[in-house]
C-alpha cells in the first residue's frame, strides 16, 4: 500500500494568564510513517496525539485553580474532537483507502 502524507492538526485556544490574550494554536501530527492496521502503529499515533494536545494546551501552575480548570477543559475538548476523526483514519487504514487530513479544535 502506498503511503500518503496524513496530518492531524490540533487547533485550540490556549489558556493564557489574564494579562495576555488567548490565541489559537495548531500542531500537525504526521502518521504517514505508521501502520495504522497494527496495534503498535495505533499506540504510536495515540502517543503523538497526546503529545500534540499537551503542546497545544500548554501547562498550568499547580496553584492556579482557574488555569488548571482551563487546561483540563482544553485537553478534554481537543481529545473529544480528535476521537471521531481518529476513528475515521483508522477505519480508512483498515480498508486500505486514503485517510483525510484531520482538524481538531477546542
C-alpha atoms as a PDB file:
ATOM      1  CA  UNK A   1       0.000   0.000   0.000  1.00  0.00           C
ATOM      2  CA  UNK A   2       1.434   3.363  -0.928  1.00  0.00           C
ATOM      3  CA  UNK A   3       1.884   5.814   1.879  1.00  0.00           C
ATOM      4  CA  UNK A   4       0.193   9.190   1.624  1.00  0.00           C
ATOM      5  CA  UNK A   5       1.152  12.071   3.909  1.00  0.00           C
ATOM      6  CA  UNK A   6      -1.536  12.482   6.542  1.00  0.00           C
ATOM      7  CA  UNK A   7      -1.716  15.022   9.338  1.00  0.00           C
ATOM      8  CA  UNK A   8      -3.817  15.713  12.377  1.00  0.00           C
ATOM      9  CA  UNK A   9      -3.964  19.406  13.173  1.00  0.00           C
ATOM     10  CA  UNK A  10      -4.875  20.205  16.718  1.00  0.00           C
ATOM     11  CA  UNK A  11      -6.343  23.663  16.984  1.00  0.00           C
ATOM     12  CA  UNK A  12      -7.274  25.042  20.343  1.00  0.00           C
ATOM     13  CA  UNK A  13      -7.449  28.206  22.342  1.00  0.00           C
ATOM     14  CA  UNK A  14      -4.555  28.125  24.754  1.00  0.00           C
ATOM     15  CA  UNK A  15      -5.062  29.067  28.378  1.00  0.00           C
ATOM     16  CA  UNK A  16      -3.097  32.291  28.836  1.00  0.00           C
ATOM     17  CA  UNK A  17      -2.760  34.298  32.037  1.00  0.00           C
ATOM     18  CA  UNK A  18      -5.230  37.171  32.388  1.00  0.00           C
ATOM     19  CA  UNK A  19      -2.528  39.695  31.429  1.00  0.00           C
ATOM     20  CA  UNK A  20      -2.279  38.162  27.958  1.00  0.00           C
ATOM     21  CA  UNK A  21      -4.903  37.369  25.367  1.00  0.00           C
ATOM     22  CA  UNK A  22      -5.927  33.882  24.323  1.00  0.00           C
ATOM     23  CA  UNK A  23      -4.574  32.701  20.995  1.00  0.00           C
ATOM     24  CA  UNK A  24      -5.288  29.834  18.661  1.00  0.00           C
ATOM     25  CA  UNK A  25      -2.567  27.265  18.180  1.00  0.00           C
ATOM     26  CA  UNK A  26      -2.233  24.261  15.972  1.00  0.00           C
ATOM     27  CA  UNK A  27       0.103  21.304  15.903  1.00  0.00           C
ATOM     28  CA  UNK A  28       0.366  18.891  12.979  1.00  0.00           C
ATOM     29  CA  UNK A  29       0.805  15.221  13.840  1.00  0.00           C
ATOM     30  CA  UNK A  30       2.128  13.162  10.959  1.00  0.00           C
ATOM     31  CA  UNK A  31       1.357   9.469  10.830  1.00  0.00           C
ATOM     32  CA  UNK A  32       2.416   8.721   7.278  1.00  0.00           C
ATOM     33  CA  UNK A  33       5.161   6.500   8.647  1.00  0.00           C
ATOM     34  CA  UNK A  34       2.783   4.431  10.813  1.00  0.00           C
ATOM     35  CA  UNK A  35       0.935   1.216  10.004  1.00  0.00           C
ATOM     36  CA  UNK A  36      -2.473   2.049  11.451  1.00  0.00           C
ATOM     37  CA  UNK A  37      -3.613  -1.544  10.933  1.00  0.00           C
ATOM     38  CA  UNK A  38      -1.243  -2.666  13.707  1.00  0.00           C
ATOM     39  CA  UNK A  39      -1.624  -2.197  17.461  1.00  0.00           C
ATOM     40  CA  UNK A  40       1.869  -0.713  17.643  1.00  0.00           C
ATOM     41  CA  UNK A  41       1.062   1.843  14.939  1.00  0.00           C
ATOM     42  CA  UNK A  42      -2.169   2.889  16.659  1.00  0.00           C
ATOM     43  CA  UNK A  43      -0.381   3.158  20.024  1.00  0.00           C
ATOM     44  CA  UNK A  44       2.275   5.395  18.455  1.00  0.00           C
ATOM     45  CA  UNK A  45      -0.424   7.583  16.866  1.00  0.00           C
ATOM     46  CA  UNK A  46      -2.114   7.925  20.261  1.00  0.00           C
ATOM     47  CA  UNK A  47       1.182   8.971  21.860  1.00  0.00           C
ATOM     48  CA  UNK A  48       1.696  11.576  19.150  1.00  0.00           C
ATOM     49  CA  UNK A  49      -1.841  12.921  19.586  1.00  0.00           C
ATOM     50  CA  UNK A  50      -1.391  13.083  23.353  1.00  0.00           C
ATOM     51  CA  UNK A  51       1.882  14.981  22.971  1.00  0.00           C
ATOM     52  CA  UNK A  52       0.317  17.385  20.484  1.00  0.00           C
ATOM     53  CA  UNK A  53      -2.602  18.045  22.831  1.00  0.00           C
ATOM     54  CA  UNK A  54      -0.056  18.819  25.552  1.00  0.00           C
ATOM     55  CA  UNK A  55       1.755  21.285  23.282  1.00  0.00           C
ATOM     56  CA  UNK A  56      -1.470  22.955  22.170  1.00  0.00           C
ATOM     57  CA  UNK A  57      -2.979  23.254  25.629  1.00  0.00           C
ATOM     58  CA  UNK A  58       0.235  24.028  27.467  1.00  0.00           C
ATOM     59  CA  UNK A  59       0.769  23.735  31.192  1.00  0.00           C
ATOM     60  CA  UNK A  60      -0.839  25.265  34.237  1.00  0.00           C
ATOM     61  CA  UNK A  61       0.619  26.427  37.522  1.00  0.00           C
ATOM     62  CA  UNK A  62      -0.493  23.802  40.034  1.00  0.00           C
ATOM     63  CA  UNK A  63      -1.505  26.616  42.421  1.00  0.00           C
ATOM     64  CA  UNK A  64      -3.753  28.415  39.901  1.00  0.00           C
ATOM     65  CA  UNK A  65      -7.107  26.660  40.018  1.00  0.00           C
ATOM     66  CA  UNK A  66      -8.566  28.682  37.150  1.00  0.00           C
ATOM     67  CA  UNK A  67      -5.613  27.804  34.920  1.00  0.00           C
ATOM     68  CA  UNK A  68      -5.922  24.134  35.901  1.00  0.00           C
ATOM     69  CA  UNK A  69      -9.618  24.187  35.017  1.00  0.00           C
ATOM     70  CA  UNK A  70      -8.858  25.844  31.664  1.00  0.00           C
ATOM     71  CA  UNK A  71      -6.133  23.294  30.969  1.00  0.00           C
ATOM     72  CA  UNK A  72      -8.417  20.346  31.728  1.00  0.00           C
ATOM     73  CA  UNK A  73     -11.126  21.864  29.541  1.00  0.00           C
ATOM     74  CA  UNK A  74      -8.685  22.411  26.679  1.00  0.00           C
ATOM     75  CA  UNK A  75      -7.390  18.844  26.875  1.00  0.00           C
ATOM     76  CA  UNK A  76     -10.878  17.325  27.093  1.00  0.00           C
ATOM     77  CA  UNK A  77     -12.124  19.420  24.184  1.00  0.00           C
ATOM     78  CA  UNK A  78      -9.137  18.600  21.982  1.00  0.00           C
ATOM     79  CA  UNK A  79      -9.406  14.886  22.810  1.00  0.00           C
ATOM     80  CA  UNK A  80     -13.146  14.831  22.088  1.00  0.00           C
ATOM     81  CA  UNK A  81     -12.632  16.493  18.714  1.00  0.00           C
ATOM     82  CA  UNK A  82      -9.813  14.183  17.660  1.00  0.00           C
ATOM     83  CA  UNK A  83     -11.601  10.964  18.710  1.00  0.00           C
ATOM     84  CA  UNK A  84     -14.103  10.782  15.852  1.00  0.00           C
ATOM     85  CA  UNK A  85     -11.576  11.807  13.239  1.00  0.00           C
ATOM     86  CA  UNK A  86      -9.038   9.322  14.640  1.00  0.00           C
ATOM     87  CA  UNK A  87     -11.657   6.586  14.248  1.00  0.00           C
ATOM     88  CA  UNK A  88     -12.227   7.639  10.620  1.00  0.00           C
ATOM     89  CA  UNK A  89      -8.481   7.483   9.918  1.00  0.00           C
ATOM     90  CA  UNK A  90      -8.218   4.006  11.485  1.00  0.00           C
ATOM     91  CA  UNK A  91     -11.217   2.746   9.505  1.00  0.00           C
ATOM     92  CA  UNK A  92      -9.707   4.094   6.290  1.00  0.00           C
ATOM     93  CA  UNK A  93      -6.424   2.335   7.065  1.00  0.00           C
ATOM     94  CA  UNK A  94      -8.252  -0.969   7.630  1.00  0.00           C
ATOM     95  CA  UNK A  95      -9.984  -0.583   4.243  1.00  0.00           C
ATOM     96  CA  UNK A  96      -6.668   0.243   2.601  1.00  0.00           C
ATOM     97  CA  UNK A  97      -8.039   3.575   1.469  1.00  0.00           C
ATOM     98  CA  UNK A  98      -6.685   7.073   1.949  1.00  0.00           C
ATOM     99  CA  UNK A  99      -7.446   8.978   5.115  1.00  0.00           C
ATOM    100  CA  UNK A 100      -8.433  12.624   5.155  1.00  0.00           C
ATOM    101  CA  UNK A 101      -6.494  15.358   6.863  1.00  0.00           C
ATOM    102  CA  UNK A 102      -7.956  15.814  10.329  1.00  0.00           C
ATOM    103  CA  UNK A 103      -8.567  19.046  12.216  1.00  0.00           C
ATOM    104  CA  UNK A 104      -9.246  19.207  15.924  1.00  0.00           C
ATOM    105  CA  UNK A 105     -10.348  22.416  17.605  1.00  0.00           C
ATOM    106  CA  UNK A 106     -11.361  23.409  21.081  1.00  0.00           C
END
